[in-house]
Amino acid sequence: MQAADLPAQINLNRLGREARAYNGVISANNMQRLAELVGQVGIISAQLQIDDCAEKPRLTGECEARVELICERCLEPVSVDLHGELDALIIDRPEEVESIPMDQAVIIAPRGELDVTTLLEDELILALPVVPRHDDTECDGGQRHFGPPGEPLRQPDSPFTELNALKTSKRSEH
């Protein structure tokens, strides 16, 4: 396939028994859940391979996208590169899960229709950082100053200053 036309859906029943590879980009226009979580979605690229040599078809691959989030430190936009990896068996019905080992990921493709858009959207949502933020060198989130401009920063009172004064006065009494 060309780099510009990754299919939104793949009919597994039409693939045959040989492995198929799909490389390309897919539009983020139909990824409403991802759009609700991020400010802006860049190009979504993916490399997928479907291998039907085993008892059940196996999907492997990876996907990447650049999204814009809000930094939790400075509350400014930050670009984040998302990367997801796929390695799962494809099944038709949820009942088939019981015959698959617990540590093996599965994808349900009813009637052999694999929804690539939803699959990649799920993987990118899972790749979102829990706390989006700039690198430490790029973010001034910890350097906030409240009050009138030009006023020097007031050093907070240490609760141990008072204890140290008491300790020193007790020593001088002995």
N, C-alpha and C. Protein backbone atom coordinates (compact mmCIF):
# COMPACT_ATOMS: atom_id res chain seq x y z
N MET A 1 0.84 -1.18 0.00
CA MET A 1 0.00 0.00 0.00
C MET A 1 0.88 1.24 0.00
N GLN A 2 0.35 2.31 -0.51
CA GLN A 2 1.08 3.56 -0.50
C GLN A 2 1.04 4.17 0.89
N ALA A 3 1.98 5.08 1.14
CA ALA A 3 2.08 5.68 2.47
C ALA A 3 0.88 6.53 2.82
N ALA A 4 0.07 6.93 1.86
CA ALA A 4 -1.02 7.86 2.14
C ALA A 4 -2.36 7.18 2.37
N ASP A 5 -2.45 5.88 2.19
CA ASP A 5 -3.79 5.30 2.24
C ASP A 5 -3.90 4.02 3.07
N LEU A 6 -3.63 4.15 4.35
CA LEU A 6 -3.86 3.05 5.27
C LEU A 6 -5.37 2.87 5.38
N PRO A 7 -5.89 1.66 5.20
CA PRO A 7 -7.35 1.48 5.21
C PRO A 7 -7.95 1.71 6.60
N ALA A 8 -9.17 2.23 6.62
CA ALA A 8 -9.88 2.43 7.89
C ALA A 8 -10.39 1.10 8.43
N GLN A 9 -10.66 0.14 7.53
CA GLN A 9 -11.10 -1.19 7.93
C GLN A 9 -10.42 -2.22 7.04
N ILE A 10 -10.20 -3.41 7.61
CA ILE A 10 -9.61 -4.52 6.86
C ILE A 10 -10.53 -5.71 7.01
N ASN A 11 -10.92 -6.30 5.88
CA ASN A 11 -11.74 -7.51 5.91
C ASN A 11 -10.78 -8.71 5.94
N LEU A 12 -10.70 -9.36 7.08
CA LEU A 12 -9.76 -10.46 7.26
C LEU A 12 -10.13 -11.68 6.43
N ASN A 13 -11.40 -11.84 6.10
CA ASN A 13 -11.85 -12.99 5.32
C ASN A 13 -11.34 -12.94 3.88
N ARG A 14 -10.97 -11.78 3.41
CA ARG A 14 -10.49 -11.63 2.03
C ARG A 14 -8.97 -11.67 1.91
N LEU A 15 -8.27 -11.79 3.02
CA LEU A 15 -6.81 -11.72 2.98
C LEU A 15 -6.13 -12.99 2.50
N GLY A 16 -6.68 -14.13 2.78
CA GLY A 16 -6.00 -15.37 2.48
C GLY A 16 -5.09 -15.77 3.63
N ARG A 17 -4.23 -16.74 3.41
CA ARG A 17 -3.39 -17.28 4.48
C ARG A 17 -2.01 -16.63 4.58
N GLU A 18 -1.59 -15.86 3.58
CA GLU A 18 -0.26 -15.27 3.65
C GLU A 18 -0.29 -13.97 4.47
N ALA A 19 0.89 -13.58 4.92
CA ALA A 19 1.01 -12.36 5.73
C ALA A 19 0.79 -11.13 4.87
N ARG A 20 0.17 -10.13 5.45
CA ARG A 20 -0.07 -8.87 4.76
C ARG A 20 0.51 -7.73 5.59
N ALA A 21 1.14 -6.79 4.92
CA ALA A 21 1.71 -5.63 5.61
C ALA A 21 1.02 -4.37 5.11
N TYR A 22 0.75 -3.47 6.04
CA TYR A 22 0.13 -2.19 5.74
C TYR A 22 0.98 -1.10 6.37
N ASN A 23 1.42 -0.15 5.55
CA ASN A 23 2.21 0.99 6.03
C ASN A 23 1.57 2.25 5.50
N GLY A 24 1.41 3.22 6.36
CA GLY A 24 0.86 4.47 5.86
C GLY A 24 0.37 5.37 6.95
N VAL A 25 -0.44 6.32 6.55
CA VAL A 25 -1.01 7.29 7.47
C VAL A 25 -2.52 7.15 7.44
N ILE A 26 -3.14 7.59 8.51
CA ILE A 26 -4.60 7.53 8.60
C ILE A 26 -5.09 8.84 9.18
N SER A 27 -6.24 9.26 8.75
CA SER A 27 -6.80 10.54 9.19
C SER A 27 -7.27 10.48 10.63
N ALA A 28 -7.07 11.57 11.35
CA ALA A 28 -7.55 11.66 12.73
C ALA A 28 -8.97 12.21 12.79
N ASN A 29 -9.58 12.49 11.66
CA ASN A 29 -10.92 13.07 11.63
C ASN A 29 -11.96 12.18 12.30
N ASN A 30 -11.82 10.88 12.23
CA ASN A 30 -12.80 9.96 12.81
C ASN A 30 -12.42 9.50 14.21
N MET A 31 -11.42 10.12 14.81
CA MET A 31 -10.98 9.73 16.15
C MET A 31 -11.49 10.75 17.17
N GLN A 32 -12.78 10.71 17.43
CA GLN A 32 -13.42 11.70 18.31
C GLN A 32 -12.93 11.59 19.75
N ARG A 33 -12.74 10.37 20.25
CA ARG A 33 -12.30 10.20 21.64
C ARG A 33 -10.91 10.79 21.85
N LEU A 34 -10.02 10.57 20.90
CA LEU A 34 -8.67 11.14 21.00
C LEU A 34 -8.74 12.66 20.89
N ALA A 35 -9.57 13.17 20.00
CA ALA A 35 -9.70 14.62 19.82
C ALA A 35 -10.20 15.30 21.09
N GLU A 36 -11.04 14.62 21.87
CA GLU A 36 -11.55 15.19 23.12
C GLU A 36 -10.46 15.29 24.19
N LEU A 37 -9.43 14.46 24.10
CA LEU A 37 -8.39 14.41 25.12
C LEU A 37 -7.18 15.29 24.82
N VAL A 38 -7.01 15.66 23.56
CA VAL A 38 -5.83 16.44 23.17
C VAL A 38 -6.27 17.71 22.46
N GLY A 39 -5.36 18.68 22.39
CA GLY A 39 -5.67 19.93 21.71
C GLY A 39 -5.68 19.78 20.20
N GLN A 40 -4.67 19.12 19.67
CA GLN A 40 -4.53 18.98 18.24
C GLN A 40 -3.81 17.67 17.95
N VAL A 41 -4.22 17.00 16.87
CA VAL A 41 -3.60 15.74 16.47
C VAL A 41 -2.89 15.96 15.15
N GLY A 42 -1.63 15.57 15.10
CA GLY A 42 -0.88 15.66 13.85
C GLY A 42 -1.14 14.42 12.99
N ILE A 43 -0.20 14.10 12.17
CA ILE A 43 -0.32 12.94 11.28
C ILE A 43 -0.17 11.66 12.09
N ILE A 44 -1.05 10.71 11.83
CA ILE A 44 -0.99 9.41 12.49
C ILE A 44 -0.43 8.42 11.48
N SER A 45 0.72 7.86 11.80
CA SER A 45 1.32 6.87 10.91
C SER A 45 1.32 5.52 11.60
N ALA A 46 1.23 4.48 10.79
CA ALA A 46 1.19 3.13 11.37
C ALA A 46 1.82 2.14 10.41
N GLN A 47 2.39 1.10 11.01
CA GLN A 47 2.89 -0.05 10.28
C GLN A 47 2.23 -1.27 10.92
N LEU A 48 1.44 -1.98 10.15
CA LEU A 48 0.72 -3.14 10.66
C LEU A 48 1.06 -4.36 9.83
N GLN A 49 1.09 -5.51 10.48
CA GLN A 49 1.27 -6.77 9.77
C GLN A 49 0.28 -7.78 10.32
N ILE A 50 -0.42 -8.43 9.41
CA ILE A 50 -1.36 -9.48 9.80
C ILE A 50 -0.82 -10.79 9.27
N ASP A 51 -0.57 -11.71 10.19
CA ASP A 51 -0.02 -13.02 9.85
C ASP A 51 -1.07 -14.06 10.18
N ASP A 52 -1.54 -14.76 9.17
CA ASP A 52 -2.62 -15.74 9.37
C ASP A 52 -2.09 -17.17 9.27
N CYS A 53 -0.83 -17.37 9.60
CA CYS A 53 -0.24 -18.70 9.50
C CYS A 53 -0.59 -19.58 10.68
N ALA A 54 -0.89 -19.00 11.82
CA ALA A 54 -1.20 -19.78 13.03
C ALA A 54 -2.70 -20.12 13.05
N GLU A 55 -3.12 -20.65 14.18
CA GLU A 55 -4.53 -21.01 14.35
C GLU A 55 -5.43 -19.78 14.26
N LYS A 56 -4.97 -18.69 14.86
CA LYS A 56 -5.71 -17.42 14.83
C LYS A 56 -4.81 -16.37 14.18
N PRO A 57 -5.38 -15.42 13.46
CA PRO A 57 -4.55 -14.36 12.87
C PRO A 57 -3.90 -13.52 13.97
N ARG A 58 -2.68 -13.09 13.72
CA ARG A 58 -1.94 -12.25 14.67
C ARG A 58 -1.67 -10.91 14.01
N LEU A 59 -1.95 -9.85 14.77
CA LEU A 59 -1.67 -8.50 14.31
C LEU A 59 -0.49 -7.96 15.10
N THR A 60 0.53 -7.50 14.40
CA THR A 60 1.68 -6.84 15.03
C THR A 60 1.90 -5.51 14.33
N GLY A 61 2.54 -4.62 15.02
CA GLY A 61 2.83 -3.33 14.40
C GLY A 61 3.02 -2.23 15.42
N GLU A 62 3.04 -1.02 14.90
CA GLU A 62 3.20 0.14 15.76
C GLU A 62 2.53 1.34 15.12
N CYS A 63 2.23 2.32 15.95
CA CYS A 63 1.62 3.55 15.46
C CYS A 63 2.27 4.73 16.17
N GLU A 64 2.27 5.87 15.49
CA GLU A 64 2.89 7.08 16.03
C GLU A 64 2.05 8.29 15.66
N ALA A 65 2.05 9.25 16.54
CA ALA A 65 1.36 10.52 16.28
C ALA A 65 1.96 11.59 17.17
N ARG A 66 1.87 12.81 16.72
CA ARG A 66 2.27 13.96 17.54
C ARG A 66 0.98 14.69 17.91
N VAL A 67 0.81 14.91 19.21
CA VAL A 67 -0.39 15.60 19.69
C VAL A 67 0.03 16.81 20.52
N GLU A 68 -0.91 17.73 20.66
CA GLU A 68 -0.66 18.90 21.49
C GLU A 68 -1.50 18.77 22.75
N LEU A 69 -0.83 18.86 23.90
CA LEU A 69 -1.48 18.78 25.20
C LEU A 69 -1.16 20.05 25.98
N ILE A 70 -1.70 20.16 27.17
CA ILE A 70 -1.40 21.29 28.06
C ILE A 70 -0.46 20.80 29.15
N CYS A 71 0.68 21.48 29.29
CA CYS A 71 1.66 21.14 30.32
C CYS A 71 1.03 21.37 31.69
N GLU A 72 1.15 20.39 32.56
CA GLU A 72 0.57 20.48 33.90
C GLU A 72 1.36 21.40 34.82
N ARG A 73 2.59 21.75 34.44
CA ARG A 73 3.40 22.65 35.27
C ARG A 73 3.16 24.12 34.92
N CYS A 74 3.28 24.44 33.63
CA CYS A 74 3.22 25.85 33.23
C CYS A 74 1.91 26.22 32.54
N LEU A 75 1.06 25.23 32.26
CA LEU A 75 -0.24 25.43 31.61
C LEU A 75 -0.12 26.01 30.20
N GLU A 76 1.01 25.76 29.55
CA GLU A 76 1.24 26.17 28.17
C GLU A 76 1.17 24.92 27.29
N PRO A 77 0.90 25.08 25.98
CA PRO A 77 0.86 23.92 25.09
C PRO A 77 2.21 23.22 25.00
N VAL A 78 2.16 21.90 24.90
CA VAL A 78 3.37 21.10 24.74
C VAL A 78 3.08 20.03 23.69
N SER A 79 4.01 19.83 22.76
CA SER A 79 3.88 18.77 21.76
C SER A 79 4.44 17.48 22.33
N VAL A 80 3.67 16.42 22.20
CA VAL A 80 4.07 15.12 22.74
C VAL A 80 4.01 14.10 21.61
N ASP A 81 5.08 13.32 21.46
CA ASP A 81 5.09 12.22 20.49
C ASP A 81 4.55 10.97 21.16
N LEU A 82 3.50 10.41 20.58
CA LEU A 82 2.91 9.17 21.10
C LEU A 82 3.41 8.00 20.28
N HIS A 83 3.62 6.88 20.94
CA HIS A 83 4.09 5.67 20.26
C HIS A 83 3.37 4.48 20.88
N GLY A 84 2.72 3.70 20.06
CA GLY A 84 2.04 2.50 20.55
C GLY A 84 2.51 1.28 19.79
N GLU A 85 2.59 0.16 20.48
CA GLU A 85 2.99 -1.10 19.86
C GLU A 85 1.86 -2.10 19.97
N LEU A 86 1.65 -2.84 18.90
CA LEU A 86 0.57 -3.81 18.84
C LEU A 86 1.13 -5.22 18.69
N ASP A 87 0.57 -6.14 19.42
CA ASP A 87 0.87 -7.56 19.27
C ASP A 87 -0.30 -8.31 19.87
N ALA A 88 -1.22 -8.74 19.03
CA ALA A 88 -2.45 -9.36 19.54
C ALA A 88 -2.99 -10.38 18.55
N LEU A 89 -3.70 -11.35 19.10
CA LEU A 89 -4.44 -12.30 18.27
C LEU A 89 -5.79 -11.69 17.92
N ILE A 90 -6.27 -12.00 16.74
CA ILE A 90 -7.56 -11.47 16.28
C ILE A 90 -8.60 -12.58 16.37
N ILE A 91 -9.71 -12.29 17.06
CA ILE A 91 -10.79 -13.28 17.20
C ILE A 91 -12.10 -12.67 16.71
N ASP A 92 -13.06 -13.55 16.41
CA ASP A 92 -14.37 -13.09 15.92
C ASP A 92 -15.34 -12.76 17.04
N ARG A 93 -15.34 -13.58 18.08
CA ARG A 93 -16.35 -13.46 19.14
C ARG A 93 -15.68 -13.38 20.51
N PRO A 94 -16.28 -12.65 21.44
CA PRO A 94 -15.71 -12.55 22.80
C PRO A 94 -15.59 -13.91 23.49
N GLU A 95 -16.43 -14.87 23.14
CA GLU A 95 -16.38 -16.19 23.77
C GLU A 95 -15.05 -16.91 23.50
N GLU A 96 -14.38 -16.55 22.42
CA GLU A 96 -13.12 -17.20 22.06
C GLU A 96 -11.97 -16.82 22.98
N VAL A 97 -12.15 -15.79 23.78
CA VAL A 97 -11.09 -15.33 24.68
C VAL A 97 -10.68 -16.42 25.67
N GLU A 98 -11.63 -17.23 26.09
CA GLU A 98 -11.35 -18.26 27.09
C GLU A 98 -10.34 -19.30 26.61
N SER A 99 -10.21 -19.49 25.30
CA SER A 99 -9.27 -20.48 24.77
C SER A 99 -7.88 -19.90 24.53
N ILE A 100 -7.68 -18.64 24.86
CA ILE A 100 -6.41 -17.96 24.61
C ILE A 100 -5.71 -17.71 25.95
N PRO A 101 -4.39 -17.89 26.03
CA PRO A 101 -3.67 -17.65 27.29
C PRO A 101 -3.93 -16.24 27.83
N MET A 102 -3.93 -16.13 29.16
CA MET A 102 -4.24 -14.87 29.83
C MET A 102 -3.27 -13.74 29.47
N ASP A 103 -2.00 -14.08 29.21
CA ASP A 103 -1.01 -13.04 28.94
C ASP A 103 -0.99 -12.59 27.47
N GLN A 104 -1.87 -13.14 26.66
CA GLN A 104 -1.93 -12.78 25.24
C GLN A 104 -3.03 -11.75 25.00
N ALA A 105 -2.68 -10.64 24.38
CA ALA A 105 -3.67 -9.62 24.04
C ALA A 105 -4.53 -10.11 22.88
N VAL A 106 -5.78 -9.69 22.88
CA VAL A 106 -6.69 -10.06 21.79
C VAL A 106 -7.40 -8.82 21.26
N ILE A 107 -7.79 -8.92 20.01
CA ILE A 107 -8.60 -7.90 19.35
C ILE A 107 -9.82 -8.61 18.81
N ILE A 108 -10.99 -8.07 19.09
CA ILE A 108 -12.22 -8.67 18.58
C ILE A 108 -12.58 -7.98 17.27
N ALA A 109 -12.68 -8.78 16.21
CA ALA A 109 -13.05 -8.28 14.88
C ALA A 109 -14.29 -9.03 14.44
N PRO A 110 -15.48 -8.52 14.78
CA PRO A 110 -16.72 -9.22 14.44
C PRO A 110 -16.84 -9.48 12.94
N ARG A 111 -17.18 -10.69 12.59
CA ARG A 111 -17.36 -11.12 11.19
C ARG A 111 -16.12 -10.85 10.33
N GLY A 112 -14.95 -10.82 10.97
CA GLY A 112 -13.71 -10.64 10.23
C GLY A 112 -13.42 -9.21 9.82
N GLU A 113 -14.17 -8.25 10.32
CA GLU A 113 -13.96 -6.84 9.98
C GLU A 113 -13.12 -6.17 11.07
N LEU A 114 -11.88 -5.87 10.76
CA LEU A 114 -10.97 -5.22 11.70
C LEU A 114 -11.07 -3.71 11.50
N ASP A 115 -11.51 -3.00 12.53
CA ASP A 115 -11.65 -1.55 12.49
C ASP A 115 -10.31 -0.91 12.85
N VAL A 116 -9.53 -0.58 11.84
CA VAL A 116 -8.18 -0.07 12.03
C VAL A 116 -8.20 1.30 12.72
N THR A 117 -9.15 2.15 12.36
CA THR A 117 -9.22 3.48 12.95
C THR A 117 -9.43 3.40 14.46
N THR A 118 -10.39 2.60 14.90
CA THR A 118 -10.66 2.45 16.34
C THR A 118 -9.49 1.79 17.05
N LEU A 119 -8.88 0.80 16.42
CA LEU A 119 -7.73 0.12 17.01
C LEU A 119 -6.57 1.09 17.26
N LEU A 120 -6.25 1.89 16.26
CA LEU A 120 -5.15 2.85 16.41
C LEU A 120 -5.51 3.96 17.40
N GLU A 121 -6.78 4.37 17.40
CA GLU A 121 -7.21 5.38 18.37
C GLU A 121 -7.05 4.86 19.80
N ASP A 122 -7.46 3.63 20.04
CA ASP A 122 -7.30 3.02 21.37
C ASP A 122 -5.83 2.99 21.77
N GLU A 123 -4.97 2.59 20.86
CA GLU A 123 -3.55 2.46 21.17
C GLU A 123 -2.93 3.83 21.47
N LEU A 124 -3.33 4.85 20.74
CA LEU A 124 -2.79 6.19 20.98
C LEU A 124 -3.31 6.78 22.30
N ILE A 125 -4.56 6.49 22.65
CA ILE A 125 -5.10 6.94 23.93
C ILE A 125 -4.32 6.29 25.08
N LEU A 126 -4.01 5.01 24.93
CA LEU A 126 -3.22 4.33 25.96
C LEU A 126 -1.80 4.88 26.06
N ALA A 127 -1.29 5.46 24.98
CA ALA A 127 0.07 6.00 24.97
C ALA A 127 0.14 7.43 25.52
N LEU A 128 -1.01 8.05 25.81
CA LEU A 128 -0.99 9.41 26.35
C LEU A 128 -0.28 9.43 27.71
N PRO A 129 0.51 10.46 27.97
CA PRO A 129 1.16 10.54 29.29
C PRO A 129 0.14 10.84 30.38
N VAL A 130 0.38 10.31 31.56
CA VAL A 130 -0.51 10.57 32.69
C VAL A 130 -0.46 12.05 33.06
N VAL A 131 0.74 12.61 33.09
CA VAL A 131 0.94 14.02 33.40
C VAL A 131 1.74 14.65 32.26
N PRO A 132 1.06 15.30 31.32
CA PRO A 132 1.81 15.93 30.23
C PRO A 132 2.59 17.14 30.74
N ARG A 133 3.85 17.24 30.31
CA ARG A 133 4.67 18.37 30.74
C ARG A 133 5.86 18.52 29.79
N HIS A 134 6.42 19.72 29.80
CA HIS A 134 7.63 20.00 29.05
C HIS A 134 8.80 19.28 29.72
N ASP A 135 9.93 19.21 29.01
CA ASP A 135 11.16 18.76 29.65
C ASP A 135 11.52 19.77 30.73
N ASP A 136 12.28 19.34 31.71
CA ASP A 136 12.66 20.22 32.82
C ASP A 136 13.36 21.49 32.35
N THR A 137 14.15 21.38 31.28
CA THR A 137 14.90 22.54 30.81
C THR A 137 14.04 23.52 30.02
N GLU A 138 12.86 23.09 29.57
CA GLU A 138 12.01 23.94 28.74
C GLU A 138 10.83 24.54 29.49
N CYS A 139 10.63 24.18 30.74
CA CYS A 139 9.42 24.57 31.45
C CYS A 139 9.75 25.49 32.62
N ASP A 140 9.01 26.59 32.73
CA ASP A 140 9.22 27.49 33.86
C ASP A 140 8.11 27.34 34.89
N GLY A 141 7.44 26.22 34.91
CA GLY A 141 6.31 26.00 35.80
C GLY A 141 6.65 26.12 37.26
N GLY A 142 7.86 25.81 37.66
CA GLY A 142 8.23 25.90 39.07
C GLY A 142 8.74 27.27 39.47
N GLN A 143 8.82 28.20 38.52
CA GLN A 143 9.39 29.53 38.79
C GLN A 143 8.31 30.61 38.80
N ARG A 144 7.16 30.31 39.28
CA ARG A 144 6.08 31.31 39.31
C ARG A 144 6.34 32.35 40.39
N HIS A 145 5.90 33.56 40.12
CA HIS A 145 6.05 34.66 41.07
C HIS A 145 4.69 35.33 41.21
N PHE A 146 4.20 35.41 42.41
CA PHE A 146 2.91 36.04 42.66
C PHE A 146 3.15 37.37 43.36
N GLY A 147 2.33 38.34 43.08
CA GLY A 147 2.47 39.66 43.68
C GLY A 147 2.84 40.68 42.64
N PRO A 148 3.09 41.91 43.07
CA PRO A 148 3.42 42.98 42.12
C PRO A 148 4.74 42.68 41.40
N PRO A 149 4.82 43.08 40.13
CA PRO A 149 6.07 42.86 39.39
C PRO A 149 7.22 43.64 40.03
N GLY A 150 8.38 43.05 40.07
CA GLY A 150 9.56 43.69 40.62
C GLY A 150 9.72 43.48 42.11
N GLU A 151 8.70 43.01 42.79
CA GLU A 151 8.81 42.77 44.23
C GLU A 151 9.69 41.54 44.44
N PRO A 152 10.67 41.63 45.35
CA PRO A 152 11.55 40.47 45.55
C PRO A 152 10.77 39.29 46.14
N LEU A 153 11.27 38.12 45.81
CA LEU A 153 10.64 36.91 46.34
C LEU A 153 10.88 36.82 47.84
N ARG A 154 9.84 36.56 48.59
CA ARG A 154 9.95 36.42 50.04
C ARG A 154 10.29 34.97 50.34
N GLN A 155 11.31 34.77 51.13
CA GLN A 155 11.68 33.42 51.52
C GLN A 155 10.67 32.92 52.54
N PRO A 156 10.14 31.74 52.36
CA PRO A 156 9.17 31.23 53.33
C PRO A 156 9.85 30.96 54.67
N ASP A 157 9.08 31.17 55.73
CA ASP A 157 9.59 30.89 57.07
C ASP A 157 9.72 29.39 57.27
N SER A 158 10.85 28.99 57.78
CA SER A 158 11.07 27.58 58.03
C SER A 158 10.55 27.24 59.43
N PRO A 159 9.77 26.19 59.57
CA PRO A 159 9.29 25.81 60.90
C PRO A 159 10.44 25.36 61.81
N PHE A 160 11.57 25.03 61.24
CA PHE A 160 12.69 24.55 62.04
C PHE A 160 13.56 25.68 62.59
N THR A 161 13.36 26.89 62.09
CA THR A 161 14.12 28.03 62.59
C THR A 161 13.82 28.25 64.07
N GLU A 162 12.55 28.20 64.43
CA GLU A 162 12.12 28.37 65.82
C GLU A 162 12.69 27.25 66.69
N LEU A 163 12.65 26.01 66.20
CA LEU A 163 13.19 24.89 66.96
C LEU A 163 14.69 25.03 67.17
N ASN A 164 15.39 25.49 66.15
CA ASN A 164 16.83 25.69 66.26
C ASN A 164 17.15 26.75 67.31
N ALA A 165 16.34 27.82 67.35
CA ALA A 165 16.55 28.87 68.36
C ALA A 165 16.33 28.32 69.76
N LEU A 166 15.30 27.50 69.96
CA LEU A 166 15.05 26.88 71.27
C LEU A 166 16.19 25.95 71.67
N LYS A 167 16.66 25.18 70.71
CA LYS A 167 17.74 24.23 70.98
C LYS A 167 19.02 24.97 71.38
N THR A 168 19.33 26.05 70.68
CA THR A 168 20.52 26.83 70.98
C THR A 168 20.41 27.49 72.35
N SER A 169 19.23 28.00 72.70
CA SER A 169 19.05 28.65 74.01
C SER A 169 19.15 27.63 75.14
N LYS A 170 18.69 26.41 74.95
CA LYS A 170 18.79 25.36 75.97
C LYS A 170 20.25 25.00 76.20
N ARG A 171 21.05 24.96 75.15
CA ARG A 171 22.47 24.62 75.29
C ARG A 171 23.21 25.71 76.07
N SER A 172 22.85 26.95 75.82
CA SER A 172 23.54 28.04 76.51
C SER A 172 23.18 28.08 77.99
N GLU A 173 22.01 27.55 78.37
CA GLU A 173 21.60 27.50 79.77
C GLU A 173 22.38 26.44 80.53
N HIS A 174 22.82 25.40 79.90
CA HIS A 174 23.50 24.28 80.58
C HIS A 174 24.93 24.53 80.72
